[in-house]
Structure formats: C-alpha cells, structure tokens
Amino acid sequence: MARILGIEIPNEKRIEASLPYMFGIGRPTAAKILEHAGIDPNIRTGQLSEEQLVRISQVIQAESIMVEGDLRRERQSQLKRLTSINCYRGIRHKRGLPVRGQRTRTNARTRKGKKKTVGVKK
C-alpha cells in the first residue's frame, strides 16, 4: 500500500479512486489534486514513483486541504462549540436528534436508535 501523509491507500486501484480513501478528499478534490500535480488519473497507485507521491502530498499541503486527524479534530471542536453555547443545533446533537429540521414524529430512526414502545400496562 502506498502512503501519502501517513495514510495508506490501496495499490491496485487507479490513483483517482484511491485518493478518496483519505478522510476529507472526495472524487472532485482528488481530480483537482492530480491535475495540479500533473499526474495521469488513470495510472494505478502501485505504479507511482516516490517522486510522484511526494508531489501529491505537496499539492495537498499547498492547497491547504485538511485531511484525516486535523479534519476530524476540527469537526469535533465545532460540535463541542455548538453544544457548549447551548444553541439549537448543539442541543439537538446532545440529545441525539436530527439537527437539520427533519420530522421526528415518524422516521428519524437512524439518529434516535431502536424504537422504544411506550404503553400502558394492565
């Protein structure tokens, strides 16, 4: 497996399909990175030279694209800020409810978890 910025990506796939294995890089960003680095997107990751891998990592750093740990930390701190100031979105995150205005009378099972039946006992 090839390593870019300490992250292993699969060797047998095209580099354009391998780069999105890094958290924070999707297909369009991967295409942009390869264009700036001057690398053919159809080449397999295992066929890249060490110099080409270095060029890809330099482009990622030059474009200031946040990946992996830095991006995860940034997102976590943003959620922590929302919950600490007790804004509506932060409260919804705390309670494990949908944040973006979806209905919760039915559905919302992904956020709310398994259904808990509430009823009257005889």
PDB file of N, CA and C in Angstrom:
ATOM      1  N   MET A   1       0.831  -1.187   0.000  1.00  0.00           N
ATOM      2  CA  MET A   1       0.000   0.000   0.000  1.00  0.00           C
ATOM      3  C   MET A   1       0.875   1.250   0.000  1.00  0.00           C
ATOM      4  N   ALA A   2       0.480   2.227  -0.800  1.00  0.00           N
ATOM      5  CA  ALA A   2       1.204   3.494  -0.866  1.00  0.00           C
ATOM      6  C   ALA A   2       0.810   4.375   0.316  1.00  0.00           C
ATOM      7  N   ARG A   3       1.763   5.160   0.802  1.00  0.00           N
ATOM      8  CA  ARG A   3       1.493   6.064   1.925  1.00  0.00           C
ATOM      9  C   ARG A   3       1.619   7.502   1.469  1.00  0.00           C
ATOM     10  N   ILE A   4       0.562   8.267   1.721  1.00  0.00           N
ATOM     11  CA  ILE A   4       0.573   9.709   1.447  1.00  0.00           C
ATOM     12  C   ILE A   4       0.177  10.399   2.744  1.00  0.00           C
ATOM     13  N   LEU A   5       1.050  11.244   3.250  1.00  0.00           N
ATOM     14  CA  LEU A   5       0.835  11.963   4.510  1.00  0.00           C
ATOM     15  C   LEU A   5       0.503  11.012   5.661  1.00  0.00           C
ATOM     16  N   GLY A   6       1.142   9.832   5.663  1.00  0.00           N
ATOM     17  CA  GLY A   6       0.952   8.873   6.739  1.00  0.00           C
ATOM     18  C   GLY A   6      -0.307   8.037   6.626  1.00  0.00           C
ATOM     19  N   ILE A   7      -1.023   8.147   5.502  1.00  0.00           N
ATOM     20  CA  ILE A   7      -2.251   7.390   5.310  1.00  0.00           C
ATOM     21  C   ILE A   7      -2.043   6.398   4.180  1.00  0.00           C
ATOM     22  N   GLU A   8      -2.394   5.143   4.416  1.00  0.00           N
ATOM     23  CA  GLU A   8      -2.212   4.119   3.394  1.00  0.00           C
ATOM     24  C   GLU A   8      -3.416   4.092   2.466  1.00  0.00           C
ATOM     25  N   ILE A   9      -3.127   4.067   1.153  1.00  0.00           N
ATOM     26  CA  ILE A   9      -4.183   3.973   0.148  1.00  0.00           C
ATOM     27  C   ILE A   9      -3.924   2.749  -0.707  1.00  0.00           C
ATOM     28  N   PRO A  10      -4.975   2.115  -1.262  1.00  0.00           N
ATOM     29  CA  PRO A  10      -4.798   0.854  -1.993  1.00  0.00           C
ATOM     30  C   PRO A  10      -3.969   0.988  -3.259  1.00  0.00           C
ATOM     31  N   ASN A  11      -3.133  -0.021  -3.524  1.00  0.00           N
ATOM     32  CA  ASN A  11      -2.230  -0.020  -4.679  1.00  0.00           C
ATOM     33  C   ASN A  11      -2.895  -0.432  -5.977  1.00  0.00           C
ATOM     34  N   GLU A  12      -3.876  -1.327  -5.910  1.00  0.00           N
ATOM     35  CA  GLU A  12      -4.410  -1.928  -7.127  1.00  0.00           C
ATOM     36  C   GLU A  12      -5.430  -1.044  -7.854  1.00  0.00           C
ATOM     37  N   LYS A  13      -5.895   0.034  -7.222  1.00  0.00           N
ATOM     38  CA  LYS A  13      -6.886   0.916  -7.848  1.00  0.00           C
ATOM     39  C   LYS A  13      -6.217   2.075  -8.567  1.00  0.00           C
ATOM     40  N   ARG A  14      -6.995   2.735  -9.445  1.00  0.00           N
ATOM     41  CA  ARG A  14      -6.490   3.943 -10.087  1.00  0.00           C
ATOM     42  C   ARG A  14      -6.277   5.000  -9.006  1.00  0.00           C
ATOM     43  N   ILE A  15      -5.295   5.861  -9.208  1.00  0.00           N
ATOM     44  CA  ILE A  15      -4.971   6.871  -8.191  1.00  0.00           C
ATOM     45  C   ILE A  15      -6.163   7.792  -7.941  1.00  0.00           C
ATOM     46  N   GLU A  16      -6.955   8.043  -8.994  1.00  0.00           N
ATOM     47  CA  GLU A  16      -8.138   8.899  -8.848  1.00  0.00           C
ATOM     48  C   GLU A  16      -9.165   8.263  -7.905  1.00  0.00           C
ATOM     49  N   ALA A  17      -9.230   6.936  -7.884  1.00  0.00           N
ATOM     50  CA  ALA A  17     -10.151   6.222  -6.995  1.00  0.00           C
ATOM     51  C   ALA A  17      -9.516   5.919  -5.641  1.00  0.00           C
ATOM     52  N   SER A  18      -8.197   5.941  -5.547  1.00  0.00           N
ATOM     53  CA  SER A  18      -7.508   5.641  -4.290  1.00  0.00           C
ATOM     54  C   SER A  18      -7.454   6.845  -3.357  1.00  0.00           C
ATOM     55  N   LEU A  19      -7.302   8.038  -3.912  1.00  0.00           N
ATOM     56  CA  LEU A  19      -7.185   9.232  -3.064  1.00  0.00           C
ATOM     57  C   LEU A  19      -8.401   9.458  -2.166  1.00  0.00           C
ATOM     58  N   PRO A  20      -9.649   9.188  -2.624  1.00  0.00           N
ATOM     59  CA  PRO A  20     -10.788   9.384  -1.721  1.00  0.00           C
ATOM     60  C   PRO A  20     -10.807   8.465  -0.502  1.00  0.00           C
ATOM     61  N   TYR A  21      -9.885   7.500  -0.409  1.00  0.00           N
ATOM     62  CA  TYR A  21      -9.782   6.693   0.805  1.00  0.00           C
ATOM     63  C   TYR A  21      -9.295   7.544   1.975  1.00  0.00           C
ATOM     64  N   MET A  22      -8.714   8.691   1.670  1.00  0.00           N
ATOM     65  CA  MET A  22      -8.277   9.613   2.722  1.00  0.00           C
ATOM     66  C   MET A  22      -9.479  10.433   3.165  1.00  0.00           C
ATOM     67  N   PHE A  23      -9.717  10.504   4.463  1.00  0.00           N
ATOM     68  CA  PHE A  23     -10.836  11.264   5.001  1.00  0.00           C
ATOM     69  C   PHE A  23     -10.640  12.740   4.680  1.00  0.00           C
ATOM     70  N   GLY A  24     -11.604  13.336   4.001  1.00  0.00           N
ATOM     71  CA  GLY A  24     -11.515  14.745   3.637  1.00  0.00           C
ATOM     72  C   GLY A  24     -11.254  14.978   2.163  1.00  0.00           C
ATOM     73  N   ILE A  25     -11.001  13.891   1.410  1.00  0.00           N
ATOM     74  CA  ILE A  25     -10.783  14.023  -0.031  1.00  0.00           C
ATOM     75  C   ILE A  25     -11.833  13.193  -0.750  1.00  0.00           C
ATOM     76  N   GLY A  26     -12.608  13.845  -1.617  1.00  0.00           N
ATOM     77  CA  GLY A  26     -13.610  13.160  -2.422  1.00  0.00           C
ATOM     78  C   GLY A  26     -13.141  13.063  -3.855  1.00  0.00           C
ATOM     79  N   ARG A  27     -14.023  12.614  -4.737  1.00  0.00           N
ATOM     80  CA  ARG A  27     -13.670  12.464  -6.152  1.00  0.00           C
ATOM     81  C   ARG A  27     -13.255  13.784  -6.804  1.00  0.00           C
ATOM     82  N   PRO A  28     -14.071  14.866  -6.660  1.00  0.00           N
ATOM     83  CA  PRO A  28     -13.683  16.120  -7.320  1.00  0.00           C
ATOM     84  C   PRO A  28     -12.364  16.683  -6.792  1.00  0.00           C
ATOM     85  N   THR A  29     -12.149  16.591  -5.488  1.00  0.00           N
ATOM     86  CA  THR A  29     -10.903  17.090  -4.902  1.00  0.00           C
ATOM     87  C   THR A  29      -9.722  16.263  -5.384  1.00  0.00           C
ATOM     88  N   ALA A  30      -9.915  14.947  -5.493  1.00  0.00           N
ATOM     89  CA  ALA A  30      -8.847  14.073  -5.978  1.00  0.00           C
ATOM     90  C   ALA A  30      -8.465  14.440  -7.409  1.00  0.00           C
ATOM     91  N   ALA A  31      -9.464  14.707  -8.245  1.00  0.00           N
ATOM     92  CA  ALA A  31      -9.186  15.092  -9.638  1.00  0.00           C
ATOM     93  C   ALA A  31      -8.412  16.403  -9.688  1.00  0.00           C
ATOM     94  N   LYS A  32      -8.786  17.350  -8.828  1.00  0.00           N
ATOM     95  CA  LYS A  32      -8.103  18.646  -8.790  1.00  0.00           C
ATOM     96  C   LYS A  32      -6.654  18.495  -8.326  1.00  0.00           C
ATOM     97  N   ILE A  33      -6.438  17.645  -7.329  1.00  0.00           N
ATOM     98  CA  ILE A  33      -5.089  17.412  -6.809  1.00  0.00           C
ATOM     99  C   ILE A  33      -4.202  16.820  -7.903  1.00  0.00           C
ATOM    100  N   LEU A  34      -4.717  15.814  -8.612  1.00  0.00           N
ATOM    101  CA  LEU A  34      -3.930  15.158  -9.660  1.00  0.00           C
ATOM    102  C   LEU A  34      -3.645  16.114 -10.820  1.00  0.00           C
ATOM    103  N   GLU A  35      -4.592  16.996 -11.120  1.00  0.00           N
ATOM    104  CA  GLU A  35      -4.379  17.984 -12.187  1.00  0.00           C
ATOM    105  C   GLU A  35      -3.258  18.947 -11.810  1.00  0.00           C
ATOM    106  N   HIS A  36      -3.272  19.428 -10.560  1.00  0.00           N
ATOM    107  CA  HIS A  36      -2.225  20.347 -10.094  1.00  0.00           C
ATOM    108  C   HIS A  36      -0.864  19.657 -10.020  1.00  0.00           C
ATOM    109  N   ALA A  37      -0.868  18.358  -9.670  1.00  0.00           N
ATOM    110  CA  ALA A  37       0.393  17.623  -9.560  1.00  0.00           C
ATOM    111  C   ALA A  37       0.906  17.170 -10.923  1.00  0.00           C
ATOM    112  N   GLY A  38       0.049  17.212 -11.934  1.00  0.00           N
ATOM    113  CA  GLY A  38       0.450  16.799 -13.279  1.00  0.00           C
ATOM    114  C   GLY A  38       0.595  15.289 -13.407  1.00  0.00           C
ATOM    115  N   ILE A  39      -0.312  14.553 -12.789  1.00  0.00           N
ATOM    116  CA  ILE A  39      -0.264  13.090 -12.802  1.00  0.00           C
ATOM    117  C   ILE A  39      -1.510  12.567 -13.514  1.00  0.00           C
ATOM    118  N   ASP A  40      -1.312  11.548 -14.348  1.00  0.00           N
ATOM    119  CA  ASP A  40      -2.416  10.934 -15.076  1.00  0.00           C
ATOM    120  C   ASP A  40      -3.350  10.238 -14.089  1.00  0.00           C
ATOM    121  N   PRO A  41      -4.650  10.565 -14.092  1.00  0.00           N
ATOM    122  CA  PRO A  41      -5.571   9.954 -13.124  1.00  0.00           C
ATOM    123  C   PRO A  41      -5.833   8.472 -13.371  1.00  0.00           C
ATOM    124  N   ASN A  42      -5.479   7.954 -14.560  1.00  0.00           N
ATOM    125  CA  ASN A  42      -5.751   6.556 -14.881  1.00  0.00           C
ATOM    126  C   ASN A  42      -4.640   5.601 -14.451  1.00  0.00           C
ATOM    127  N   ILE A  43      -3.513   6.111 -13.966  1.00  0.00           N
ATOM    128  CA  ILE A  43      -2.397   5.261 -13.549  1.00  0.00           C
ATOM    129  C   ILE A  43      -2.742   4.594 -12.215  1.00  0.00           C
ATOM    130  N   ARG A  44      -2.290   3.360 -12.047  1.00  0.00           N
ATOM    131  CA  ARG A  44      -2.527   2.629 -10.801  1.00  0.00           C
ATOM    132  C   ARG A  44      -1.628   3.181  -9.696  1.00  0.00           C
ATOM    133  N   THR A  45      -2.119   3.139  -8.478  1.00  0.00           N
ATOM    134  CA  THR A  45      -1.375   3.691  -7.357  1.00  0.00           C
ATOM    135  C   THR A  45      -0.047   2.982  -7.161  1.00  0.00           C
ATOM    136  N   GLY A  46      -0.010   1.683  -7.371  1.00  0.00           N
ATOM    137  CA  GLY A  46       1.217   0.913  -7.199  1.00  0.00           C
ATOM    138  C   GLY A  46       2.287   1.262  -8.217  1.00  0.00           C
ATOM    139  N   GLN A  47       1.900   1.853  -9.343  1.00  0.00           N
ATOM    140  CA  GLN A  47       2.856   2.207 -10.391  1.00  0.00           C
ATOM    141  C   GLN A  47       3.447   3.604 -10.207  1.00  0.00           C
ATOM    142  N   LEU A  48       2.977   4.338  -9.224  1.00  0.00           N
ATOM    143  CA  LEU A  48       3.502   5.689  -8.997  1.00  0.00           C
ATOM    144  C   LEU A  48       4.911   5.631  -8.429  1.00  0.00           C
ATOM    145  N   SER A  49       5.740   6.578  -8.867  1.00  0.00           N
ATOM    146  CA  SER A  49       7.089   6.658  -8.318  1.00  0.00           C
ATOM    147  C   SER A  49       7.041   7.419  -6.986  1.00  0.00           C
ATOM    148  N   GLU A  50       8.111   7.318  -6.245  1.00  0.00           N
ATOM    149  CA  GLU A  50       8.197   8.018  -4.956  1.00  0.00           C
ATOM    150  C   GLU A  50       8.084   9.523  -5.158  1.00  0.00           C
ATOM    151  N   GLU A  51       8.677  10.020  -6.245  1.00  0.00           N
ATOM    152  CA  GLU A  51       8.636  11.461  -6.544  1.00  0.00           C
ATOM    153  C   GLU A  51       7.210  11.928  -6.819  1.00  0.00           C
ATOM    154  N   GLN A  52       6.404  11.091  -7.485  1.00  0.00           N
ATOM    155  CA  GLN A  52       5.015  11.453  -7.770  1.00  0.00           C
ATOM    156  C   GLN A  52       4.182  11.471  -6.488  1.00  0.00           C
ATOM    157  N   LEU A  53       4.439  10.526  -5.581  1.00  0.00           N
ATOM    158  CA  LEU A  53       3.740  10.518  -4.294  1.00  0.00           C
ATOM    159  C   LEU A  53       4.075  11.767  -3.487  1.00  0.00           C
ATOM    160  N   VAL A  54       5.340  12.188  -3.546  1.00  0.00           N
ATOM    161  CA  VAL A  54       5.757  13.404  -2.842  1.00  0.00           C
ATOM    162  C   VAL A  54       5.054  14.619  -3.443  1.00  0.00           C
ATOM    163  N   ARG A  55       4.940  14.645  -4.782  1.00  0.00           N
ATOM    164  CA  ARG A  55       4.254  15.763  -5.445  1.00  0.00           C
ATOM    165  C   ARG A  55       2.791  15.852  -5.019  1.00  0.00           C
ATOM    166  N   ILE A  56       2.130  14.694  -4.904  1.00  0.00           N
ATOM    167  CA  ILE A  56       0.723  14.680  -4.474  1.00  0.00           C
ATOM    168  C   ILE A  56       0.606  15.242  -3.059  1.00  0.00           C
ATOM    169  N   SER A  57       1.487  14.800  -2.153  1.00  0.00           N
ATOM    170  CA  SER A  57       1.417  15.303  -0.780  1.00  0.00           C
ATOM    171  C   SER A  57       1.748  16.785  -0.704  1.00  0.00           C
ATOM    172  N   GLN A  58       2.653  17.269  -1.561  1.00  0.00           N
ATOM    173  CA  GLN A  58       2.966  18.693  -1.581  1.00  0.00           C
ATOM    174  C   GLN A  58       1.776  19.515  -2.059  1.00  0.00           C
ATOM    175  N   VAL A  59       1.050  18.999  -3.059  1.00  0.00           N
ATOM    176  CA  VAL A  59      -0.132  19.711  -3.562  1.00  0.00           C
ATOM    177  C   VAL A  59      -1.206  19.772  -2.480  1.00  0.00           C
ATOM    178  N   ILE A  60      -1.396  18.665  -1.749  1.00  0.00           N
ATOM    179  CA  ILE A  60      -2.399  18.645  -0.673  1.00  0.00           C
ATOM    180  C   ILE A  60      -2.055  19.689   0.385  1.00  0.00           C
ATOM    181  N   GLN A  61      -0.785  19.792   0.738  1.00  0.00           N
ATOM    182  CA  GLN A  61      -0.373  20.771   1.740  1.00  0.00           C
ATOM    183  C   GLN A  61      -0.421  22.192   1.189  1.00  0.00           C
ATOM    184  N   ALA A  62      -0.042  22.383  -0.090  1.00  0.00           N
ATOM    185  CA  ALA A  62      -0.041  23.720  -0.683  1.00  0.00           C
ATOM    186  C   ALA A  62      -1.459  24.263  -0.834  1.00  0.00           C
ATOM    187  N   GLU A  63      -2.396  23.379  -1.166  1.00  0.00           N
ATOM    188  CA  GLU A  63      -3.801  23.795  -1.318  1.00  0.00           C
ATOM    189  C   GLU A  63      -4.494  23.909   0.046  1.00  0.00           C
ATOM    190  N   SER A  64      -3.779  23.596   1.110  1.00  0.00           N
ATOM    191  CA  SER A  64      -4.279  23.590   2.495  1.00  0.00           C
ATOM    192  C   SER A  64      -5.586  22.817   2.624  1.00  0.00           C
ATOM    193  N   ILE A  65      -5.569  21.587   2.092  1.00  0.00           N
ATOM    194  CA  ILE A  65      -6.709  20.690   2.210  1.00  0.00           C
ATOM    195  C   ILE A  65      -6.545  19.930   3.520  1.00  0.00           C
ATOM    196  N   MET A  66      -7.526  20.045   4.400  1.00  0.00           N
ATOM    197  CA  MET A  66      -7.468  19.337   5.680  1.00  0.00           C
ATOM    198  C   MET A  66      -7.862  17.888   5.467  1.00  0.00           C
ATOM    199  N   VAL A  67      -7.049  16.970   5.976  1.00  0.00           N
ATOM    200  CA  VAL A  67      -7.332  15.540   5.840  1.00  0.00           C
ATOM    201  C   VAL A  67      -7.154  14.840   7.179  1.00  0.00           C
ATOM    202  N   GLU A  68      -7.818  13.705   7.312  1.00  0.00           N
ATOM    203  CA  GLU A  68      -7.702  12.783   8.438  1.00  0.00           C
ATOM    204  C   GLU A  68      -7.776  13.451   9.808  1.00  0.00           C
ATOM    205  N   GLY A  69      -6.758  13.312  10.633  1.00  0.00           N
ATOM    206  CA  GLY A  69      -6.801  13.736  12.031  1.00  0.00           C
ATOM    207  C   GLY A  69      -7.125  15.202  12.224  1.00  0.00           C
ATOM    208  N   ASP A  70      -6.508  16.070  11.418  1.00  0.00           N
ATOM    209  CA  ASP A  70      -6.761  17.510  11.550  1.00  0.00           C
ATOM    210  C   ASP A  70      -8.226  17.826  11.280  1.00  0.00           C
ATOM    211  N   LEU A  71      -8.769  17.230  10.230  1.00  0.00           N
ATOM    212  CA  LEU A  71     -10.163  17.478   9.862  1.00  0.00           C
ATOM    213  C   LEU A  71     -11.106  16.924  10.920  1.00  0.00           C
ATOM    214  N   ARG A  72     -10.817  15.736  11.424  1.00  0.00           N
ATOM    215  CA  ARG A  72     -11.657  15.146  12.471  1.00  0.00           C
ATOM    216  C   ARG A  72     -11.637  16.009  13.732  1.00  0.00           C
ATOM    217  N   ARG A  73     -10.445  16.499  14.115  1.00  0.00           N
ATOM    218  CA  ARG A  73     -10.328  17.365  15.288  1.00  0.00           C
ATOM    219  C   ARG A  73     -11.100  18.662  15.098  1.00  0.00           C
ATOM    220  N   GLU A  74     -11.004  19.236  13.892  1.00  0.00           N
ATOM    221  CA  GLU A  74     -11.706  20.485  13.585  1.00  0.00           C
ATOM    222  C   GLU A  74     -13.213  20.293  13.703  1.00  0.00           C
ATOM    223  N   ARG A  75     -13.736  19.220  13.120  1.00  0.00           N
ATOM    224  CA  ARG A  75     -15.172  18.954  13.174  1.00  0.00           C
ATOM    225  C   ARG A  75     -15.626  18.708  14.604  1.00  0.00           C
ATOM    226  N   GLN A  76     -14.816  17.977  15.372  1.00  0.00           N
ATOM    227  CA  GLN A  76     -15.154  17.699  16.762  1.00  0.00           C
ATOM    228  C   GLN A  76     -15.196  18.982  17.587  1.00  0.00           C
ATOM    229  N   SER A  77     -14.245  19.895  17.336  1.00  0.00           N
ATOM    230  CA  SER A  77     -14.232  21.159  18.086  1.00  0.00           C
ATOM    231  C   SER A  77     -15.428  22.029  17.707  1.00  0.00           C
ATOM    232  N   GLN A  78     -15.860  21.968  16.443  1.00  0.00           N
ATOM    233  CA  GLN A  78     -17.048  22.734  16.030  1.00  0.00           C
ATOM    234  C   GLN A  78     -18.293  22.208  16.738  1.00  0.00           C
ATOM    235  N   LEU A  79     -18.415  20.884  16.842  1.00  0.00           N
ATOM    236  CA  LEU A  79     -19.563  20.309  17.564  1.00  0.00           C
ATOM    237  C   LEU A  79     -19.512  20.656  19.047  1.00  0.00           C
ATOM    238  N   LYS A  80     -18.313  20.614  19.607  1.00  0.00           N
ATOM    239  CA  LYS A  80     -18.151  20.954  21.024  1.00  0.00           C
ATOM    240  C   LYS A  80     -18.559  22.400  21.291  1.00  0.00           C
ATOM    241  N   ARG A  81     -18.196  23.302  20.355  1.00  0.00           N
ATOM    242  CA  ARG A  81     -18.568  24.711  20.490  1.00  0.00           C
ATOM    243  C   ARG A  81     -20.087  24.869  20.457  1.00  0.00           C
ATOM    244  N   LEU A  82     -20.757  24.179  19.524  1.00  0.00           N
ATOM    245  CA  LEU A  82     -22.213  24.276  19.424  1.00  0.00           C
ATOM    246  C   LEU A  82     -22.900  23.795  20.696  1.00  0.00           C
ATOM    247  N   THR A  83     -22.392  22.690  21.265  1.00  0.00           N
ATOM    248  CA  THR A  83     -23.027  22.177  22.473  1.00  0.00           C
ATOM    249  C   THR A  83     -22.719  23.058  23.681  1.00  0.00           C
ATOM    250  N   SER A  84     -21.551  23.669  23.711  1.00  0.00           N
ATOM    251  CA  SER A  84     -21.197  24.490  24.879  1.00  0.00           C
ATOM    252  C   SER A  84     -21.981  25.795  24.925  1.00  0.00           C
ATOM    253  N   ILE A  85     -22.338  26.362  23.768  1.00  0.00           N
ATOM    254  CA  ILE A  85     -23.091  27.621  23.776  1.00  0.00           C
ATOM    255  C   ILE A  85     -24.597  27.373  23.820  1.00  0.00           C
ATOM    256  N   ASN A  86     -24.986  26.094  23.887  1.00  0.00           N
ATOM    257  CA  ASN A  86     -26.393  25.706  24.004  1.00  0.00           C
ATOM    258  C   ASN A  86     -27.284  26.290  22.920  1.00  0.00           C
ATOM    259  N   CYS A  87     -26.775  26.327  21.702  1.00  0.00           N
ATOM    260  CA  CYS A  87     -27.627  26.756  20.604  1.00  0.00           C
ATOM    261  C   CYS A  87     -28.528  25.579  20.203  1.00  0.00           C
ATOM    262  N   TYR A  88     -29.501  25.836  19.359  1.00  0.00           N
ATOM    263  CA  TYR A  88     -30.477  24.818  18.976  1.00  0.00           C
ATOM    264  C   TYR A  88     -29.789  23.592  18.393  1.00  0.00           C
ATOM    265  N   ARG A  89     -28.860  23.801  17.478  1.00  0.00           N
ATOM    266  CA  ARG A  89     -28.161  22.675  16.848  1.00  0.00           C
ATOM    267  C   ARG A  89     -27.361  21.881  17.872  1.00  0.00           C
ATOM    268  N   GLY A  90     -26.732  22.581  18.809  1.00  0.00           N
ATOM    269  CA  GLY A  90     -25.959  21.904  19.844  1.00  0.00           C
ATOM    270  C   GLY A  90     -26.832  21.043  20.738  1.00  0.00           C
ATOM    271  N   ILE A  91     -28.010  21.538  21.089  1.00  0.00           N
ATOM    272  CA  ILE A  91     -28.942  20.777  21.929  1.00  0.00           C
ATOM    273  C   ILE A  91     -29.400  19.526  21.186  1.00  0.00           C
ATOM    274  N   ARG A  92     -29.707  19.660  19.886  1.00  0.00           N
ATOM    275  CA  ARG A  92     -30.126  18.507  19.089  1.00  0.00           C
ATOM    276  C   ARG A  92     -29.001  17.465  19.020  1.00  0.00           C
ATOM    277  N   HIS A  93     -27.759  17.914  18.881  1.00  0.00           N
ATOM    278  CA  HIS A  93     -26.625  16.985  18.876  1.00  0.00           C
ATOM    279  C   HIS A  93     -26.535  16.262  20.213  1.00  0.00           C
ATOM    280  N   LYS A  94     -26.681  16.995  21.319  1.00  0.00           N
ATOM    281  CA  LYS A  94     -26.601  16.407  22.651  1.00  0.00           C
ATOM    282  C   LYS A  94     -27.658  15.330  22.851  1.00  0.00           C
ATOM    283  N   ARG A  95     -28.874  15.605  22.406  1.00  0.00           N
ATOM    284  CA  ARG A  95     -29.995  14.680  22.613  1.00  0.00           C
ATOM    285  C   ARG A  95     -30.040  13.553  21.594  1.00  0.00           C
ATOM    286  N   GLY A  96     -29.188  13.626  20.570  1.00  0.00           N
ATOM    287  CA  GLY A  96     -29.167  12.575  19.553  1.00  0.00           C
ATOM    288  C   GLY A  96     -30.349  12.623  18.617  1.00  0.00           C
ATOM    289  N   LEU A  97     -30.855  13.817  18.349  1.00  0.00           N
ATOM    290  CA  LEU A  97     -31.991  14.001  17.448  1.00  0.00           C
ATOM    291  C   LEU A  97     -31.518  14.602  16.133  1.00  0.00           C
ATOM    292  N   PRO A  98     -32.347  14.554  15.068  1.00  0.00           N
ATOM    293  CA  PRO A  98     -31.947  15.175  13.807  1.00  0.00           C
ATOM    294  C   PRO A  98     -31.707  16.672  13.982  1.00  0.00           C
ATOM    295  N   VAL A  99     -30.666  17.167  13.336  1.00  0.00           N
ATOM    296  CA  VAL A  99     -30.218  18.543  13.557  1.00  0.00           C
ATOM    297  C   VAL A  99     -30.793  19.508  12.530  1.00  0.00           C
ATOM    298  N   ARG A 100     -31.067  19.021  11.330  1.00  0.00           N
ATOM    299  CA  ARG A 100     -31.381  19.926  10.229  1.00  0.00           C
ATOM    300  C   ARG A 100     -32.864  20.040   9.894  1.00  0.00           C
ATOM    301  N   GLY A 101     -33.725  19.949  10.886  1.00  0.00           N
ATOM    302  CA  GLY A 101     -35.134  20.246  10.671  1.00  0.00           C
ATOM    303  C   GLY A 101     -35.986  19.112  10.161  1.00  0.00           C
ATOM    304  N   GLN A 102     -35.476  17.876  10.174  1.00  0.00           N
ATOM    305  CA  GLN A 102     -36.287  16.762   9.705  1.00  0.00           C
ATOM    306  C   GLN A 102     -37.396  16.460  10.717  1.00  0.00           C
ATOM    307  N   ARG A 103     -38.457  15.788  10.242  1.00  0.00           N
ATOM    308  CA  ARG A 103     -39.552  15.440  11.136  1.00  0.00           C
ATOM    309  C   ARG A 103     -39.122  14.293  12.041  1.00  0.00           C
ATOM    310  N   THR A 104     -39.682  14.275  13.256  1.00  0.00           N
ATOM    311  CA  THR A 104     -39.307  13.220  14.186  1.00  0.00           C
ATOM    312  C   THR A 104     -40.515  12.447  14.696  1.00  0.00           C
ATOM    313  N   ARG A 105     -41.718  12.837  14.302  1.00  0.00           N
ATOM    314  CA  ARG A 105     -42.894  12.099  14.754  1.00  0.00           C
ATOM    315  C   ARG A 105     -42.842  10.658  14.230  1.00  0.00           C
ATOM    316  N   THR A 106     -42.492  10.533  12.956  1.00  0.00           N
ATOM    317  CA  THR A 106     -42.176   9.224  12.403  1.00  0.00           C
ATOM    318  C   THR A 106     -40.764   9.346  11.845  1.00  0.00           C
ATOM    319  N   ASN A 107     -40.196   8.267  11.427  1.00  0.00           N
ATOM    320  CA  ASN A 107     -38.852   8.254  10.851  1.00  0.00           C
ATOM    321  C   ASN A 107     -37.800   8.685  11.874  1.00  0.00           C
ATOM    322  N   ALA A 108     -36.685   9.219  11.434  1.00  0.00           N
ATOM    323  CA  ALA A 108     -35.560   9.647  12.284  1.00  0.00           C
ATOM    324  C   ALA A 108     -34.969   8.499  13.088  1.00  0.00           C
ATOM    325  N   ARG A 109     -35.164   7.253  12.635  1.00  0.00           N
ATOM    326  CA  ARG A 109     -34.667   6.095  13.374  1.00  0.00           C
ATOM    327  C   ARG A 109     -33.150   6.020  13.394  1.00  0.00           C
ATOM    328  N   THR A 110     -32.497   6.545  12.379  1.00  0.00           N
ATOM    329  CA  THR A 110     -31.044   6.492  12.352  1.00  0.00           C
ATOM    330  C   THR A 110     -30.469   7.289  13.521  1.00  0.00           C
ATOM    331  N   ARG A 111     -30.995   8.465  13.775  1.00  0.00           N
ATOM    332  CA  ARG A 111     -30.498   9.297  14.868  1.00  0.00           C
ATOM    333  C   ARG A 111     -31.039   8.852  16.226  1.00  0.00           C
ATOM    334  N   LYS A 112     -32.318   8.452  16.283  1.00  0.00           N
ATOM    335  CA  LYS A 112     -32.950   8.158  17.558  1.00  0.00           C
ATOM    336  C   LYS A 112     -32.655   6.754  18.068  1.00  0.00           C
ATOM    337  N   GLY A 113     -32.263   5.840  17.172  1.00  0.00           N
ATOM    338  CA  GLY A 113     -31.977   4.479  17.593  1.00  0.00           C
ATOM    339  C   GLY A 113     -33.189   3.581  17.487  1.00  0.00           C
ATOM    340  N   LYS A 114     -33.079   2.398  18.079  1.00  0.00           N
ATOM    341  CA  LYS A 114     -34.158   1.420  18.006  1.00  0.00           C
ATOM    342  C   LYS A 114     -35.394   1.950  18.690  1.00  0.00           C
ATOM    343  N   LYS A 115     -36.560   1.605  18.111  1.00  0.00           N
ATOM    344  CA  LYS A 115     -37.837   2.103  18.633  1.00  0.00           C
ATOM    345  C   LYS A 115     -38.072   1.606  20.044  1.00  0.00           C
ATOM    346  N   LYS A 116     -38.504   2.508  20.929  1.00  0.00           N
ATOM    347  CA  LYS A 116     -38.874   2.148  22.313  1.00  0.00           C
ATOM    348  C   LYS A 116     -40.379   2.303  22.421  1.00  0.00           C
ATOM    349  N   THR A 117     -41.079   1.207  22.624  1.00  0.00           N
ATOM    350  CA  THR A 117     -42.525   1.269  22.725  1.00  0.00           C
ATOM    351  C   THR A 117     -42.918   1.789  24.093  1.00  0.00           C
ATOM    352  N   VAL A 118     -43.796   2.797  24.106  1.00  0.00           N
ATOM    353  CA  VAL A 118     -44.300   3.358  25.356  1.00  0.00           C
ATOM    354  C   VAL A 118     -45.777   3.044  25.407  1.00  0.00           C
ATOM    355  N   GLY A 119     -46.213   2.359  26.449  1.00  0.00           N
ATOM    356  CA  GLY A 119     -47.618   1.987  26.526  1.00  0.00           C
ATOM    357  C   GLY A 119     -48.081   1.868  27.956  1.00  0.00           C
ATOM    358  N   VAL A 120     -49.365   1.544  28.096  1.00  0.00           N
ATOM    359  CA  VAL A 120     -49.960   1.401  29.424  1.00  0.00           C
ATOM    360  C   VAL A 120     -50.039  -0.081  29.752  1.00  0.00           C
ATOM    361  N   LYS A 121     -49.607  -0.420  30.962  1.00  0.00           N
ATOM    362  CA  LYS A 121     -49.668  -1.817  31.409  1.00  0.00           C
ATOM    363  C   LYS A 121     -51.018  -2.043  32.100  1.00  0.00           C
ATOM    364  N   LYS A 122     -51.570  -3.240  31.920  1.00  0.00           N
ATOM    365  CA  LYS A 122     -52.841  -3.577  32.590  1.00  0.00           C
ATOM    366  C   LYS A 122     -52.578  -4.217  33.933  1.00  0.00           C
TER     367      LYS A 122
END
